[in-house]
Structures are given as structure tokens and as C-alpha cells.
N, C-alpha and C. Protein backbone atom coordinates (compact mmCIF):
# COMPACT_ATOMS: atom_id res chain seq x y z
N UNK A 1 164.81 108.32 114.52
CA UNK A 1 163.67 109.67 114.48
C UNK A 1 162.32 109.46 112.99
N UNK A 2 163.06 108.69 112.18
CA UNK A 2 162.16 109.05 111.07
C UNK A 2 160.88 108.00 111.58
N UNK A 3 161.96 106.39 111.91
CA UNK A 3 160.71 105.57 112.60
C UNK A 3 159.51 106.01 113.28
N UNK A 4 160.09 106.64 114.62
CA UNK A 4 159.08 107.20 115.10
C UNK A 4 158.18 108.15 114.78
N UNK A 5 158.39 108.53 113.67
CA UNK A 5 157.46 109.65 112.88
C UNK A 5 156.79 108.90 112.24
N UNK A 6 157.31 108.16 111.56
CA UNK A 6 155.84 106.90 110.99
C UNK A 6 155.21 106.06 112.06
N UNK A 7 155.76 105.93 112.73
CA UNK A 7 154.59 105.08 113.87
C UNK A 7 153.27 106.25 114.27
N UNK A 8 154.25 107.61 115.01
CA UNK A 8 153.22 108.57 115.44
C UNK A 8 151.90 109.03 114.19
N UNK A 9 152.63 108.79 112.85
CA UNK A 9 151.77 109.27 111.57
C UNK A 9 150.58 108.00 111.75
N UNK A 10 151.34 106.62 111.46
CA UNK A 10 150.09 105.65 111.29
C UNK A 10 149.24 106.00 112.91
N UNK A 11 149.26 106.30 113.68
CA UNK A 11 148.70 106.43 115.45
C UNK A 11 147.56 107.52 114.54
N UNK A 12 148.03 108.49 114.17
CA UNK A 12 147.28 109.30 114.16
C UNK A 12 146.05 109.41 113.22
N UNK A 13 146.07 108.20 112.10
CA UNK A 13 145.59 107.93 110.71
C UNK A 13 144.20 107.35 111.66
N UNK A 14 144.49 106.61 112.80
CA UNK A 14 143.55 105.73 112.82
C UNK A 14 142.12 106.51 113.80
N UNK A 15 142.47 107.62 114.15
CA UNK A 15 141.52 109.05 114.42
C UNK A 15 141.15 109.84 113.32
N UNK A 16 141.44 110.04 111.96
CA UNK A 16 141.32 110.91 111.13
C UNK A 16 140.11 110.40 110.11
N UNK A 17 138.44 111.07 110.37
CA UNK A 17 137.98 110.51 109.57
C UNK A 17 138.21 110.29 108.25
N UNK A 18 137.24 109.30 107.67
CA UNK A 18 137.83 109.22 105.91
C UNK A 18 136.63 109.46 105.36
N UNK A 19 136.55 110.48 104.27
CA UNK A 19 135.79 110.85 103.71
C UNK A 19 135.69 110.42 102.24
N UNK A 20 136.67 109.40 101.96
CA UNK A 20 136.79 109.11 100.51
C UNK A 20 135.50 108.62 99.39
N UNK A 21 134.50 107.98 100.13
CA UNK A 21 133.46 107.38 99.74
C UNK A 21 132.24 108.08 99.72
N UNK A 22 132.42 108.82 101.01
CA UNK A 22 131.10 109.92 101.20
C UNK A 22 131.03 111.54 100.16
N UNK A 23 132.06 111.87 99.26
CA UNK A 23 131.97 112.83 98.98
C UNK A 23 131.12 112.61 97.51
N UNK A 24 130.65 114.00 97.09
CA UNK A 24 129.65 113.89 95.95
C UNK A 24 129.72 113.41 94.78
N UNK A 25 129.02 112.96 94.19
CA UNK A 25 129.43 112.45 93.05
C UNK A 25 128.71 113.72 91.59
N UNK A 26 129.47 113.51 91.12
CA UNK A 26 129.26 114.83 89.69
C UNK A 26 129.34 114.02 88.51
N UNK A 27 129.75 112.96 87.93
CA UNK A 27 129.25 112.03 87.11
C UNK A 27 129.87 110.57 87.16
N UNK A 28 129.28 109.86 86.54
CA UNK A 28 129.60 108.28 86.73
C UNK A 28 130.01 108.10 85.22
N UNK A 29 130.98 107.88 85.08
CA UNK A 29 131.57 107.67 83.83
C UNK A 29 131.70 106.00 83.62
N UNK A 30 131.21 105.04 84.07
CA UNK A 30 130.66 103.98 84.13
C UNK A 30 129.15 103.65 83.18
N UNK A 31 128.83 104.49 83.73
CA UNK A 31 127.44 104.53 82.85
C UNK A 31 127.17 104.75 81.71
N UNK A 32 127.73 103.45 80.86
CA UNK A 32 127.41 103.62 79.26
C UNK A 32 126.19 104.17 78.59
N UNK A 33 126.97 104.72 77.81
CA UNK A 33 125.20 105.31 77.15
C UNK A 33 124.12 106.08 77.79
N UNK A 34 124.31 106.17 79.33
CA UNK A 34 123.32 106.81 79.85
C UNK A 34 123.56 108.16 80.56
N UNK A 35 123.12 109.31 80.43
CA UNK A 35 122.57 110.53 80.94
C UNK A 35 121.68 110.69 81.97
N UNK A 36 121.84 111.56 82.74
CA UNK A 36 120.65 112.09 84.09
C UNK A 36 120.37 113.32 83.43
N UNK A 37 119.40 113.56 83.75
CA UNK A 37 118.48 115.15 83.53
C UNK A 37 117.96 115.37 84.88
N UNK A 38 118.61 116.77 85.65
CA UNK A 38 117.84 116.53 86.92
C UNK A 38 117.67 118.08 87.37
N UNK A 39 116.40 118.39 87.61
CA UNK A 39 115.98 119.32 88.15
C UNK A 39 115.35 119.90 89.60
N UNK A 40 116.23 120.86 89.97
CA UNK A 40 116.54 121.41 91.29
C UNK A 40 115.41 122.47 91.55
N UNK A 41 114.82 122.58 93.07
CA UNK A 41 114.04 123.68 93.68
C UNK A 41 112.91 123.40 93.30
N UNK A 42 111.97 122.59 92.75
CA UNK A 42 110.38 122.80 92.47
C UNK A 42 109.91 122.00 93.89
N UNK A 43 108.29 121.54 93.71
CA UNK A 43 108.37 121.88 92.69
C UNK A 43 107.60 123.52 92.35
N UNK A 44 107.27 124.07 90.95
CA UNK A 44 106.76 124.53 90.59
C UNK A 44 105.74 125.06 89.95
N UNK A 45 104.54 126.45 90.01
CA UNK A 45 102.86 125.86 90.31
C UNK A 45 102.96 125.83 88.22
N UNK A 46 103.90 126.34 87.96
CA UNK A 46 103.67 125.95 86.20
C UNK A 46 104.71 125.61 85.51
N UNK A 47 105.62 125.44 85.70
CA UNK A 47 107.24 125.05 85.23
C UNK A 47 107.39 123.41 85.14
N UNK A 48 106.74 123.31 86.57
CA UNK A 48 107.27 121.59 86.77
C UNK A 48 105.92 120.52 86.02
N UNK A 49 105.22 121.06 85.88
CA UNK A 49 103.79 120.48 84.92
C UNK A 49 104.57 120.51 83.75
N UNK A 50 104.51 121.97 83.21
CA UNK A 50 105.02 121.59 81.75
C UNK A 50 106.23 120.83 81.48
N UNK A 51 107.25 120.82 82.24
CA UNK A 51 108.59 119.70 82.16
C UNK A 51 107.96 118.41 82.06
N UNK A 52 107.07 118.45 83.00
CA UNK A 52 106.50 116.95 83.37
C UNK A 52 105.84 116.42 81.69
N UNK A 53 105.07 117.43 81.36
CA UNK A 53 104.78 116.75 80.15
C UNK A 53 105.41 116.65 78.89
N UNK A 54 106.73 117.38 78.71
CA UNK A 54 107.56 117.27 77.83
C UNK A 54 108.37 116.07 78.10
N UNK A 55 108.55 115.47 78.87
CA UNK A 55 109.19 114.43 79.29
C UNK A 55 108.57 113.20 79.18
N UNK A 56 107.19 113.39 79.31
CA UNK A 56 106.23 112.15 78.66
C UNK A 56 106.20 112.10 77.24
N UNK A 57 106.04 113.70 76.65
CA UNK A 57 105.96 113.37 75.20
C UNK A 57 107.58 112.72 74.54
N UNK A 58 108.57 112.80 75.56
CA UNK A 58 109.71 112.39 74.43
C UNK A 58 110.44 111.15 74.88
N UNK A 59 109.15 110.70 76.52
CA UNK A 59 109.55 109.49 76.55
C UNK A 59 110.92 109.18 77.61
N UNK A 60 110.84 110.08 78.67
CA UNK A 60 112.43 110.21 79.07
C UNK A 60 111.98 110.06 80.72
N UNK A 61 112.77 109.49 81.70
CA UNK A 61 112.79 109.67 82.62
C UNK A 61 113.78 110.49 83.57
N UNK A 62 113.02 111.82 84.67
CA UNK A 62 114.49 112.28 85.44
C UNK A 62 114.28 112.06 86.61
N UNK A 63 115.08 113.32 87.56
CA UNK A 63 115.23 113.13 88.97
C UNK A 63 114.65 114.79 89.27
N UNK A 64 114.00 114.63 90.26
CA UNK A 64 113.74 116.06 90.62
C UNK A 64 113.99 116.20 92.30
N UNK A 65 115.42 117.02 92.48
CA UNK A 65 115.63 117.76 93.31
C UNK A 65 114.68 118.53 94.08
N UNK A 66 113.48 118.33 94.92
CA UNK A 66 112.38 119.09 95.51
C UNK A 66 113.05 119.83 97.01
N UNK A 67 112.34 120.99 97.06
CA UNK A 67 112.85 121.48 98.68
C UNK A 67 111.31 121.05 99.34
N UNK A 68 111.56 121.18 100.40
CA UNK A 68 110.37 121.15 101.25
C UNK A 68 109.40 121.66 101.37
N UNK A 69 109.67 123.13 101.42
CA UNK A 69 108.92 124.11 101.59
C UNK A 69 107.93 124.01 100.43
N UNK A 70 108.77 124.05 99.05
CA UNK A 70 107.62 124.15 98.01
C UNK A 70 106.64 122.87 97.51
N UNK A 71 107.26 121.69 97.98
CA UNK A 71 106.47 120.38 98.11
C UNK A 71 105.51 120.78 99.28
N UNK A 72 105.56 121.05 100.28
CA UNK A 72 104.08 121.12 101.24
C UNK A 72 103.34 122.34 100.30
N UNK A 73 103.58 122.81 99.65
CA UNK A 73 103.02 124.63 98.99
C UNK A 73 101.99 123.67 97.31
N UNK A 74 102.57 122.48 96.84
CA UNK A 74 102.36 121.97 95.68
C UNK A 74 102.18 120.52 95.69
N UNK A 75 101.65 120.27 96.71
CA UNK A 75 101.92 118.36 96.92
C UNK A 75 101.18 117.50 96.08
N UNK A 76 99.93 118.34 94.84
CA UNK A 76 99.87 117.19 94.07
C UNK A 76 100.85 117.38 93.35
N UNK A 77 101.50 118.71 92.87
CA UNK A 77 102.41 118.16 91.57
C UNK A 77 103.69 117.49 91.88
N UNK A 78 104.06 117.16 93.48
CA UNK A 78 104.78 116.08 93.49
C UNK A 78 104.38 114.94 93.53
N UNK A 79 103.39 114.91 93.84
CA UNK A 79 102.13 113.22 93.50
C UNK A 79 102.16 113.43 91.80
N UNK A 80 102.29 114.29 91.19
CA UNK A 80 102.37 114.06 89.34
C UNK A 80 103.68 113.37 89.01
N UNK A 81 104.64 114.11 89.66
CA UNK A 81 106.12 113.62 89.37
C UNK A 81 106.35 111.96 89.41
N UNK A 82 105.79 111.63 90.73
CA UNK A 82 106.16 110.61 91.40
C UNK A 82 105.29 109.65 90.48
N UNK A 83 104.07 109.81 90.00
CA UNK A 83 102.87 108.80 89.64
C UNK A 83 103.61 108.88 88.00
N UNK A 84 104.44 109.63 87.46
CA UNK A 84 104.87 109.39 86.19
C UNK A 84 106.20 108.81 86.10
N UNK A 85 106.66 108.21 87.27
CA UNK A 85 108.01 107.60 87.07
C UNK A 85 109.01 107.99 87.73
N UNK A 86 108.93 109.57 87.63
CA UNK A 86 110.47 110.50 88.08
C UNK A 86 110.90 109.79 89.61
N UNK A 87 112.37 110.17 89.22
CA UNK A 87 112.77 110.01 90.84
C UNK A 87 112.60 111.32 91.84
N UNK A 88 112.33 111.21 92.65
CA UNK A 88 112.49 112.78 93.64
C UNK A 88 113.50 112.51 94.71
N UNK A 89 114.38 113.53 94.82
CA UNK A 89 115.47 113.54 96.02
C UNK A 89 115.41 114.73 96.55
N UNK A 90 116.14 114.73 97.22
CA UNK A 90 116.07 115.27 98.87
C UNK A 90 117.25 117.03 98.10
N UNK A 91 116.42 118.16 98.56
CA UNK A 91 117.54 119.22 98.44
C UNK A 91 117.21 120.48 99.59
N UNK A 92 116.75 119.60 100.79
CA UNK A 92 116.93 120.78 101.89
C UNK A 92 115.15 120.96 101.88
N UNK A 93 115.30 121.65 103.07
CA UNK A 93 113.81 122.03 103.64
C UNK A 93 113.43 123.64 102.81
N UNK A 94 114.63 124.16 102.95
CA UNK A 94 114.32 125.74 102.75
C UNK A 94 114.78 125.95 101.94
N UNK A 95 115.83 125.02 100.97
CA UNK A 95 117.39 125.46 100.02
C UNK A 95 118.36 126.42 100.64
N UNK A 96 118.74 125.75 101.93
CA UNK A 96 119.75 126.76 103.06
C UNK A 96 121.03 126.18 102.63
N UNK A 97 121.67 126.63 102.38
CA UNK A 97 123.28 126.50 101.77
C UNK A 97 124.13 125.73 103.21
N UNK A 98 124.41 124.10 103.12
CA UNK A 98 124.99 123.79 104.13
C UNK A 98 126.06 124.27 104.63
N UNK A 99 127.22 125.05 103.70
CA UNK A 99 127.80 125.99 104.78
C UNK A 99 127.50 127.05 105.80
N UNK A 100 126.42 127.26 105.51
CA UNK A 100 125.58 128.14 106.94
C UNK A 100 125.17 127.73 107.59
N UNK A 101 125.01 126.34 107.90
CA UNK A 101 124.37 125.36 108.97
C UNK A 101 125.15 124.73 109.76
N UNK A 102 125.36 124.39 111.09
CA UNK A 102 125.78 123.43 112.05
C UNK A 102 125.53 122.36 111.53
N UNK A 103 126.35 121.34 111.74
CA UNK A 103 125.82 119.55 111.51
C UNK A 103 124.46 119.16 111.73
N UNK A 104 123.73 119.82 112.79
CA UNK A 104 122.58 119.67 113.59
C UNK A 104 121.57 120.02 112.86
N UNK A 105 121.78 121.50 111.76
CA UNK A 105 120.81 121.95 111.33
C UNK A 105 120.90 121.21 110.31
N UNK A 106 121.49 121.01 109.60
CA UNK A 106 122.06 120.18 108.20
C UNK A 106 121.21 119.29 108.17
N UNK A 107 121.50 118.64 109.34
CA UNK A 107 121.00 116.88 109.22
C UNK A 107 118.94 117.06 109.75
N UNK A 108 118.71 118.54 110.41
CA UNK A 108 117.20 119.05 110.30
C UNK A 108 116.29 119.13 109.41
N UNK A 109 117.47 119.99 108.32
CA UNK A 109 117.18 119.93 107.02
C UNK A 109 116.45 119.57 106.17
N UNK A 110 117.53 118.55 105.84
CA UNK A 110 117.40 117.15 105.31
C UNK A 110 116.56 115.91 105.88
N UNK A 111 115.83 116.01 107.10
CA UNK A 111 115.33 115.03 107.64
C UNK A 111 114.07 115.70 107.27
N UNK A 112 113.81 117.30 107.90
CA UNK A 112 112.45 117.58 107.49
C UNK A 112 111.57 117.61 106.39
N UNK A 113 112.15 117.59 105.16
CA UNK A 113 112.46 117.78 103.77
C UNK A 113 111.73 116.17 103.35
N UNK A 114 112.67 115.14 103.86
CA UNK A 114 112.44 114.03 103.81
C UNK A 114 111.13 113.15 104.44
N UNK A 115 110.54 114.24 105.37
CA UNK A 115 109.34 113.58 106.18
C UNK A 115 108.24 114.23 105.53
N UNK A 116 108.51 115.46 104.70
CA UNK A 116 107.38 115.84 103.81
C UNK A 116 107.42 114.93 102.84
N UNK A 117 108.14 114.72 101.73
CA UNK A 117 108.05 114.24 100.67
C UNK A 117 107.58 112.65 101.10
N UNK A 118 108.08 111.94 102.28
CA UNK A 118 107.53 110.63 102.25
C UNK A 118 106.02 110.37 102.54
N UNK A 119 105.49 111.62 103.26
CA UNK A 119 104.18 112.19 103.81
C UNK A 119 103.22 111.75 102.65
N UNK A 120 103.56 112.52 101.40
CA UNK A 120 103.09 113.33 100.13
C UNK A 120 103.14 111.99 99.31
N UNK A 121 104.27 111.26 99.13
CA UNK A 121 104.15 110.12 97.94
C UNK A 121 104.47 108.79 98.95
N UNK A 122 104.37 109.15 100.10
CA UNK A 122 104.57 107.61 100.12
C UNK A 122 106.38 107.06 100.16
N UNK A 123 107.29 107.93 99.55
CA UNK A 123 108.49 107.19 99.69
C UNK A 123 109.48 108.17 100.12
N UNK A 124 110.75 107.27 100.92
CA UNK A 124 111.32 108.85 101.22
C UNK A 124 112.67 108.30 100.29
N UNK A 125 113.13 109.51 99.89
CA UNK A 125 114.17 109.92 99.06
C UNK A 125 115.76 109.19 99.48
N UNK A 126 116.41 108.87 98.77
CA UNK A 126 117.73 108.61 99.02
C UNK A 126 118.96 109.15 98.48
N UNK A 127 118.65 110.20 97.24
CA UNK A 127 119.84 111.01 96.45
C UNK A 127 119.16 112.31 97.40
N UNK A 128 120.51 113.11 97.46
CA UNK A 128 120.53 114.38 97.98
C UNK A 128 121.44 115.45 97.13
N UNK A 129 121.02 116.53 96.78
CA UNK A 129 121.89 117.72 96.26
C UNK A 129 122.06 118.87 97.36
N UNK A 130 122.81 119.05 97.62
CA UNK A 130 123.37 120.23 98.54
C UNK A 130 123.03 121.57 97.78
N UNK A 131 122.23 122.33 97.74
CA UNK A 131 121.95 123.38 97.19
C UNK A 131 123.05 124.61 96.83
N UNK A 132 122.87 124.93 96.05
CA UNK A 132 124.59 125.82 95.37
C UNK A 132 125.76 125.34 95.35
N UNK A 133 125.27 123.63 95.40
CA UNK A 133 126.58 122.86 95.65
C UNK A 133 127.79 123.25 96.69
N UNK A 134 126.91 123.69 97.73
CA UNK A 134 127.70 123.69 99.04
C UNK A 134 128.06 122.80 100.05
N UNK A 135 129.34 122.36 100.21
CA UNK A 135 129.16 121.16 101.37
C UNK A 135 130.25 120.97 102.11
N UNK A 136 130.22 120.34 103.09
CA UNK A 136 131.28 119.72 103.81
C UNK A 136 131.31 118.19 103.64
N UNK A 137 133.11 117.76 103.91
CA UNK A 137 133.41 116.24 104.21
C UNK A 137 132.49 116.20 104.94
N UNK A 138 132.20 116.72 106.50
CA UNK A 138 131.90 116.25 107.24
C UNK A 138 130.22 115.76 107.35
N UNK A 139 129.69 117.37 106.92
CA UNK A 139 128.35 117.05 106.05
C UNK A 139 127.67 115.85 105.64
N UNK A 140 128.62 115.73 104.51
CA UNK A 140 128.11 114.78 103.59
C UNK A 140 128.37 113.40 104.15
N UNK A 141 129.09 113.19 105.05
CA UNK A 141 129.68 112.17 105.62
C UNK A 141 128.14 112.03 107.04
N UNK A 142 127.49 112.73 107.31
CA UNK A 142 126.62 112.84 108.33
C UNK A 142 125.37 112.26 107.29
N UNK A 143 125.22 112.26 106.31
CA UNK A 143 124.31 112.56 105.24
C UNK A 143 124.07 110.81 104.70
N UNK A 144 125.23 110.75 104.64
CA UNK A 144 125.62 108.80 103.87
C UNK A 144 125.50 108.20 105.23
N UNK A 145 125.23 108.49 106.42
CA UNK A 145 125.01 107.53 107.50
C UNK A 145 123.36 107.43 107.84
N UNK A 146 123.10 108.88 107.18
CA UNK A 146 121.44 108.96 106.99
C UNK A 146 120.84 108.10 106.27
N UNK A 147 121.60 107.46 105.22
CA UNK A 147 121.09 106.69 104.06
C UNK A 147 121.40 107.28 102.55
N UNK A 148 122.01 108.61 102.61
CA UNK A 148 122.36 109.48 101.19
C UNK A 148 123.00 109.22 100.74
N UNK A 149 123.08 109.25 99.28
CA UNK A 149 124.34 109.43 98.05
C UNK A 149 124.08 111.27 97.75
N UNK A 150 125.14 111.44 98.18
CA UNK A 150 125.01 113.17 97.45
C UNK A 150 125.65 113.43 96.21
N UNK A 151 124.78 114.34 95.19
CA UNK A 151 125.04 114.08 93.66
C UNK A 151 124.77 115.74 93.56
N UNK A 152 126.08 116.09 92.82
CA UNK A 152 125.91 117.66 92.58
C UNK A 152 125.72 117.11 91.15
N UNK A 153 126.67 117.89 89.95
CA UNK A 153 126.35 117.61 88.59
C UNK A 153 127.88 118.21 87.32
N UNK A 154 127.63 117.10 86.31
CA UNK A 154 128.40 117.92 85.59
C UNK A 154 128.65 118.36 84.13
N UNK A 155 127.18 118.52 84.02
CA UNK A 155 127.16 119.86 83.21
C UNK A 155 126.22 121.16 83.64
N UNK A 156 126.59 122.31 83.77
CA UNK A 156 125.60 123.29 84.37
C UNK A 156 124.82 124.00 83.66
N UNK A 157 123.66 124.10 83.23
CA UNK A 157 123.24 124.39 82.04
C UNK A 157 122.88 126.14 82.63
N UNK A 158 123.38 126.75 84.11
CA UNK A 158 122.54 127.88 84.42
C UNK A 158 121.15 128.47 84.01
N UNK A 159 120.34 127.46 83.78
CA UNK A 159 118.78 128.01 83.17
C UNK A 159 118.35 128.98 84.11
N UNK A 160 119.01 128.84 85.79
CA UNK A 160 118.30 129.79 86.21
C UNK A 160 118.27 131.41 86.21
N UNK A 161 119.75 131.77 85.43
CA UNK A 161 120.00 133.20 85.35
C UNK A 161 119.02 133.43 84.27
N UNK A 162 118.40 132.63 83.18
CA UNK A 162 117.62 132.93 81.98
C UNK A 162 117.84 133.56 80.76
N UNK A 163 119.14 132.29 80.63
CA UNK A 163 120.06 132.58 79.14
C UNK A 163 118.96 132.40 78.20
N UNK A 164 119.33 132.56 76.88
CA UNK A 164 118.90 132.46 75.81
C UNK A 164 118.40 130.59 75.58
N UNK A 165 117.58 130.40 75.09
CA UNK A 165 117.12 128.78 74.60
C UNK A 165 118.51 128.17 74.30
N UNK A 166 119.00 128.48 73.22
CA UNK A 166 119.96 128.14 72.41
C UNK A 166 121.35 128.09 73.68
N UNK A 167 121.67 129.14 74.28
CA UNK A 167 122.70 128.98 75.22
C UNK A 167 121.87 127.70 76.19
N UNK A 168 121.38 127.63 76.60
CA UNK A 168 120.60 125.93 77.60
C UNK A 168 120.80 124.62 76.67
N UNK A 169 120.76 125.00 75.33
CA UNK A 169 120.86 123.56 74.63
C UNK A 169 122.19 123.37 74.53
N UNK A 170 123.34 123.98 74.36
CA UNK A 170 124.36 124.44 73.97
C UNK A 170 125.18 123.26 75.34
N UNK A 171 125.11 124.05 76.35
CA UNK A 171 125.45 124.07 77.76
C UNK A 171 125.25 122.58 77.97
N UNK A 172 124.15 121.87 77.40
CA UNK A 172 123.52 120.41 78.01
C UNK A 172 123.92 119.73 77.30
N UNK A 173 124.28 120.12 75.82
CA UNK A 173 124.73 118.75 75.01
C UNK A 173 125.90 118.73 74.12
N UNK A 174 126.78 119.77 74.59
CA UNK A 174 128.08 119.68 74.02
C UNK A 174 128.90 118.76 74.56
N UNK A 175 129.94 118.08 73.94
CA UNK A 175 130.84 116.87 74.68
C UNK A 175 130.04 116.21 75.42
N UNK A 176 128.92 115.86 75.49
CA UNK A 176 128.22 115.09 76.28
C UNK A 176 128.88 113.70 76.27
N UNK A 177 129.31 113.01 77.81
CA UNK A 177 129.87 112.04 77.91
C UNK A 177 129.05 111.26 78.74
N UNK A 178 129.88 109.45 78.58
CA UNK A 178 128.73 108.49 79.71
C UNK A 178 128.51 109.50 81.32
N UNK A 179 128.20 109.17 81.19
CA UNK A 179 127.06 109.21 83.02
C UNK A 179 127.15 110.74 83.48
N UNK A 180 126.86 111.66 82.07
CA UNK A 180 126.82 112.82 82.88
C UNK A 180 125.67 113.32 83.37
N UNK A 181 125.56 114.03 84.54
CA UNK A 181 124.57 114.44 84.88
C UNK A 181 124.13 116.09 85.08
N UNK A 182 123.16 116.51 84.44
CA UNK A 182 122.84 117.49 83.59
C UNK A 182 121.89 118.42 84.82
N UNK A 183 122.48 119.84 85.10
CA UNK A 183 121.47 120.38 85.87
C UNK A 183 120.66 121.19 85.25
N UNK A 184 119.42 121.03 85.85
CA UNK A 184 118.27 122.15 85.26
C UNK A 184 117.56 122.53 86.55
N UNK A 185 116.81 123.67 86.57
CA UNK A 185 115.92 124.37 87.36
C UNK A 185 114.44 123.90 86.94
N UNK A 186 113.26 123.61 87.55
CA UNK A 186 112.25 123.37 87.38
C UNK A 186 111.18 124.90 87.89
N UNK A 187 112.47 125.22 89.35
CA UNK A 187 111.50 126.51 89.99
C UNK A 187 112.54 127.53 89.34
N UNK A 188 111.58 128.55 88.29
CA UNK A 188 112.88 129.75 87.75
C UNK A 188 112.00 130.74 87.90
N UNK A 189 112.75 131.87 87.13
CA UNK A 189 112.41 132.98 87.23
C UNK A 189 111.70 133.14 86.24
N UNK A 190 110.67 134.43 86.07
CA UNK A 190 109.72 134.74 84.65
C UNK A 190 110.43 134.33 83.23
N UNK A 191 109.78 133.58 82.44
CA UNK A 191 110.61 133.38 81.15
C UNK A 191 111.57 132.59 81.34
N UNK A 192 111.30 131.29 82.28
CA UNK A 192 112.50 130.44 82.00
C UNK A 192 112.45 129.60 80.69
N UNK A 193 113.67 129.81 80.18
CA UNK A 193 114.17 129.22 78.83
C UNK A 193 113.96 127.67 78.96
N UNK A 194 114.18 126.95 80.00
CA UNK A 194 114.27 125.24 80.39
C UNK A 194 113.45 124.44 79.51
N UNK A 195 111.75 124.76 79.66
CA UNK A 195 110.95 123.97 78.82
C UNK A 195 111.25 123.84 77.39
N UNK A 196 111.53 124.97 76.83
CA UNK A 196 111.63 125.21 75.22
C UNK A 196 112.86 124.45 74.67
N UNK A 197 113.81 124.78 76.02
CA UNK A 197 115.24 123.97 75.44
C UNK A 197 115.09 122.52 75.45
N UNK A 198 114.42 122.06 76.68
CA UNK A 198 114.36 120.38 76.94
C UNK A 198 113.50 119.98 75.36
N UNK A 199 112.67 120.81 75.15
CA UNK A 199 112.04 119.93 73.78
C UNK A 199 113.15 120.11 72.50
N UNK A 200 114.30 120.56 72.40
CA UNK A 200 115.63 120.61 71.96
C UNK A 200 116.79 119.64 72.10
N UNK A 201 116.69 119.80 73.59
CA UNK A 201 118.36 118.74 74.51
C UNK A 201 117.46 117.50 73.86
N UNK A 202 116.25 116.93 74.30
CA UNK A 202 116.55 115.69 74.33
C UNK A 202 116.61 115.18 73.18
N UNK A 203 115.46 115.33 72.22
CA UNK A 203 116.45 114.73 70.68
C UNK A 203 117.92 115.02 70.38
N UNK A 204 118.41 115.55 70.52
CA UNK A 204 119.85 115.91 70.59
C UNK A 204 120.57 114.89 71.08
N UNK A 205 120.07 114.77 72.44
CA UNK A 205 121.07 113.73 73.17
C UNK A 205 120.85 112.17 72.67
N UNK A 206 119.36 111.80 72.22
CA UNK A 206 118.86 110.57 72.18
C UNK A 206 119.93 110.39 71.00
N UNK A 207 119.92 111.04 69.99
CA UNK A 207 120.41 111.52 68.42
C UNK A 207 122.14 111.17 68.62
N UNK A 208 122.77 111.77 70.01
CA UNK A 208 124.29 110.94 70.07
C UNK A 208 124.57 109.85 70.42
N UNK A 209 123.40 109.09 70.73
CA UNK A 209 123.56 107.49 71.02
C UNK A 209 123.14 107.66 72.54
N UNK A 210 122.60 108.58 73.16
CA UNK A 210 122.45 108.06 74.98
C UNK A 210 120.99 108.18 75.27
N UNK A 211 120.88 107.71 76.43
CA UNK A 211 119.54 107.90 76.54
C UNK A 211 119.51 108.46 78.03
N UNK A 212 118.17 108.88 78.34
CA UNK A 212 118.01 109.65 79.61
C UNK A 212 117.42 108.90 80.57
N UNK A 213 117.80 108.97 81.89
CA UNK A 213 118.02 107.91 83.01
C UNK A 213 118.01 108.54 84.28
N UNK A 214 117.15 108.19 85.65
CA UNK A 214 117.23 108.88 86.64
C UNK A 214 118.74 108.94 87.41
N UNK A 215 119.02 109.80 88.28
CA UNK A 215 120.25 109.74 89.22
C UNK A 215 120.81 108.41 89.31
N UNK A 216 119.65 107.67 90.10
CA UNK A 216 120.09 106.60 90.58
C UNK A 216 120.42 105.25 89.76
N UNK A 217 120.02 105.54 88.46
CA UNK A 217 120.03 104.69 87.38
C UNK A 217 121.31 104.40 86.88
N UNK A 218 121.88 105.71 87.30
CA UNK A 218 123.25 106.25 86.35
C UNK A 218 124.31 106.10 87.49
N UNK A 219 124.01 105.95 88.70
CA UNK A 219 124.47 105.61 89.73
C UNK A 219 125.19 104.09 90.38
N UNK A 220 123.93 103.51 89.89
CA UNK A 220 124.10 101.98 89.77
C UNK A 220 125.09 101.36 88.78
N UNK A 221 125.73 102.33 87.89
CA UNK A 221 126.96 101.68 87.73
C UNK A 221 128.09 101.92 88.07
């Protein structure tokens, strides 16, 4: 009986899809001395340019997970992100939560955003972040087949709730580890704390012995 059960289990496993390599990346601990600053939901008419200037002043690069609709509204800002040497990632076309979409709709959301990004800057993104961190293995596997690495985060500053500047600083810099992926938003509500916090965060990160690189540079390790 046990032998028959083992044979049946082995047979079933042949038909069960394996998503072990397709799950979202939270952190890359092998990226020694490196962390990644990431910004979601832009481009924004004011905050993105302010953040770009801060990154330039402090000499670091980051990854911007952009929404297709916003990119179409502010194509010049998307070009500025690309021209400054930052990485552009895909954040769907309309900030749609994957859990609310069919598999076909998920692929269309991502494809539409990718088409917009490529038309504006000439580069097709290969990193993807699901809005709200909402995903399923099947949808991530489908996006992997489309050439995407799906990336979440290990540190959430919750800057979209507009907390104090110091709260954002603490969330980003306390207990920092190799390969941390830090979540910010460049498209935020009124009085975003993010730009002011960034001017404090980046020097602290450097003082702790880390360099700020793009998500793909972290993932390369």
C-alpha cells in the first residue's frame, strides 16, 4: 500500500507546476555591502524631480517602478529618470492589484506598461513589482516566462501614509542588512516626507558601510 502511494505521489508531482524560482525577491543577502533604494507609483510631477536631484547630489542610483498611466502623463520625467542612469521597473499600467485580475489581465497590465516605457525611453524593463505586494505564484510564473524578475522589499518606510520624516529615516536605516531592498514612493500625497528623509537616509546608509545600487545590481549577486 505504501509503495503504491509513493508511486502515485511521484506521478502527481510530474504534473504539479513548481514555482520555487518564480517567487518574488524580498532581499538578496549575498549582495555584500549593497542595498537598493526603490521608488513606486511615479512619475510624479514634482516629487520625482526632487528625488532625482537628491540622488544626483548624493551620488547614488536607484530603481523606479513606474505606472504606465503616469509615464504617459509625464514622459519627460521618465526620460530624466533614464538619462540619470537609474533603473526603470514595471509597476503595471494602472496600479492594479494582481489578486483582482485574471491571468490574462495581469499579463496585459504588465505588457501595456512595458510598451509605454519602451516607447518613451527605448528600454524594456525586466524587473517587476506587484502593486501592494499582491501576487500569486501562477501570475509570477507567467511574468517570469515574459522575462521578468518580480521584486518586493525587505524594508517598508510606509512613506505613502505621510508619517514624520524621522519615522521614514528610522524605517529605512535601522538594522540594515546586506541586500536590503527599501521601499519608498515618489508619487505621494501632499506634503510627502520622502525627499527630506532621503537627504538624511543616504548619508546614514553610507556611514554604515553600504552603497546604494539598483535592484538589478543587488540581484546580480
